[in-house]
Amino acid sequence: MYEFKDEFERKEKKYKIYLYLFIFAVLINTFIDIFDLGIEKVSGVRIVISLLFFGVILYFGLRRKFWAEVMIKFFVWLNIILMFLIITVKILGL
C-alpha cells in the first residue's frame, strides 16, 4: 500500500531514534564491559565478540532487514526496562 508523506517521515524519524538509542546502548554496554565493577579482569575476547555482534546487527539494520530491525527494537526496549529496574533497586536500596 502507498503511504502518505507524513506517515513515511514519521516512520523514518522513529526508526532513526531507535538506531541512535541502539548505538548509545551499545556504547554504554561496552563501557560497562570494559570497566566492569566487581571483576578485576575483563575478557578482551568478550568485548570484541559483543562489538562484532552489535556491528553486524547495526549493518543489517541500516540495510533495512526485518530481523535486524526487530533485534534493534528488542535491544533498546530491554535496556530501557533494565535501566528502570536498576534505578528502582538503587532507590529502594534492595
Protein backbone atom coordinates (compact mmCIF):
# COMPACT_ATOMS: atom_id res chain seq x y z
CA MET A 1 0.00 0.00 0.00
CA TYR A 2 1.03 3.54 -0.57
CA GLU A 3 1.91 5.80 2.31
CA PHE A 4 1.39 9.48 2.69
CA LYS A 5 4.47 11.62 3.03
CA ASP A 6 3.67 12.36 6.68
CA GLU A 7 3.45 8.66 7.55
CA PHE A 8 6.74 7.90 5.84
CA GLU A 9 8.50 10.76 7.61
CA ARG A 10 7.09 9.69 10.97
CA LYS A 11 8.28 6.10 10.45
CA GLU A 12 11.72 7.31 9.37
CA LYS A 13 12.03 9.55 12.41
CA LYS A 14 11.00 6.70 14.73
CA TYR A 15 13.48 4.35 13.04
CA LYS A 16 16.33 6.86 13.39
CA ILE A 17 15.53 7.31 17.07
CA TYR A 18 15.76 3.54 17.56
CA LEU A 19 19.12 3.50 15.75
CA TYR A 20 20.53 6.31 17.90
CA LEU A 21 19.29 4.63 21.08
CA PHE A 22 20.81 1.34 19.91
CA ILE A 23 24.19 2.95 19.30
CA PHE A 24 24.00 4.72 22.67
CA ALA A 25 23.10 1.45 24.44
CA VAL A 26 25.97 -0.38 22.73
CA LEU A 27 28.42 2.30 23.82
CA ILE A 28 27.16 2.14 27.40
CA ASN A 29 27.32 -1.67 27.44
CA THR A 30 30.84 -1.61 26.05
CA PHE A 31 31.87 0.93 28.67
CA ILE A 32 30.35 -1.26 31.39
CA ASP A 33 32.15 -4.32 29.98
CA ILE A 34 35.49 -2.53 29.96
CA PHE A 35 35.12 -1.04 33.43
CA ASP A 36 33.06 -3.84 34.92
CA LEU A 37 32.60 -3.32 38.61
CA GLY A 38 33.39 -6.32 40.75
CA ILE A 39 35.54 -8.14 38.20
CA GLU A 40 39.24 -7.41 38.18
CA LYS A 41 39.99 -8.89 34.78
CA VAL A 42 37.61 -8.43 31.85
CA SER A 43 37.97 -10.71 28.88
CA GLY A 44 39.01 -8.78 25.78
CA VAL A 45 37.54 -11.54 23.65
CA ARG A 46 34.10 -10.93 25.16
CA ILE A 47 34.30 -7.24 24.30
CA VAL A 48 35.42 -7.89 20.72
CA ILE A 49 32.73 -10.54 20.12
CA SER A 50 29.99 -8.30 21.51
CA LEU A 51 31.13 -5.37 19.35
CA LEU A 52 31.18 -7.61 16.27
CA PHE A 53 27.70 -8.90 17.11
CA PHE A 54 26.33 -5.38 17.57
CA GLY A 55 28.14 -4.24 14.42
CA VAL A 56 26.51 -6.99 12.35
CA ILE A 57 23.09 -6.10 13.74
CA LEU A 58 23.68 -2.41 13.02
CA TYR A 59 24.92 -3.15 9.48
CA PHE A 60 21.87 -5.20 8.59
CA GLY A 61 19.63 -2.73 10.42
CA LEU A 62 20.90 0.04 8.18
CA ARG A 63 20.15 -2.21 5.20
CA ARG A 64 16.55 -2.43 6.49
CA LYS A 65 16.49 -6.17 7.13
CA PHE A 66 13.39 -7.02 9.14
CA TRP A 67 15.11 -9.35 11.61
CA ALA A 68 17.76 -6.72 12.38
CA GLU A 69 15.11 -4.05 12.96
CA VAL A 70 13.35 -6.38 15.39
CA MET A 71 16.64 -7.09 17.20
CA ILE A 72 17.40 -3.36 17.45
CA LYS A 73 13.97 -2.60 18.90
CA PHE A 74 14.22 -5.55 21.30
CA PHE A 75 17.66 -4.49 22.49
CA VAL A 76 16.58 -0.88 23.02
CA TRP A 77 13.48 -1.88 25.00
CA LEU A 78 15.47 -4.43 27.01
CA ASN A 79 17.93 -1.73 28.02
CA ILE A 80 15.13 0.67 28.93
CA ILE A 81 13.49 -1.96 31.16
CA LEU A 82 16.81 -2.86 32.78
CA MET A 83 17.56 0.82 33.40
CA PHE A 84 14.25 1.25 35.24
CA LEU A 85 14.92 -1.90 37.28
CA ILE A 86 18.38 -0.69 38.23
CA ILE A 87 17.07 2.75 39.22
CA THR A 88 14.26 1.16 41.25
CA VAL A 89 16.66 -1.11 43.10
CA LYS A 90 19.04 1.77 43.80
CA ILE A 91 16.21 3.96 45.13
CA LEU A 92 14.69 1.23 47.30
CA GLY A 93 18.11 0.05 48.44
CA LEU A 94 17.44 -3.64 47.90
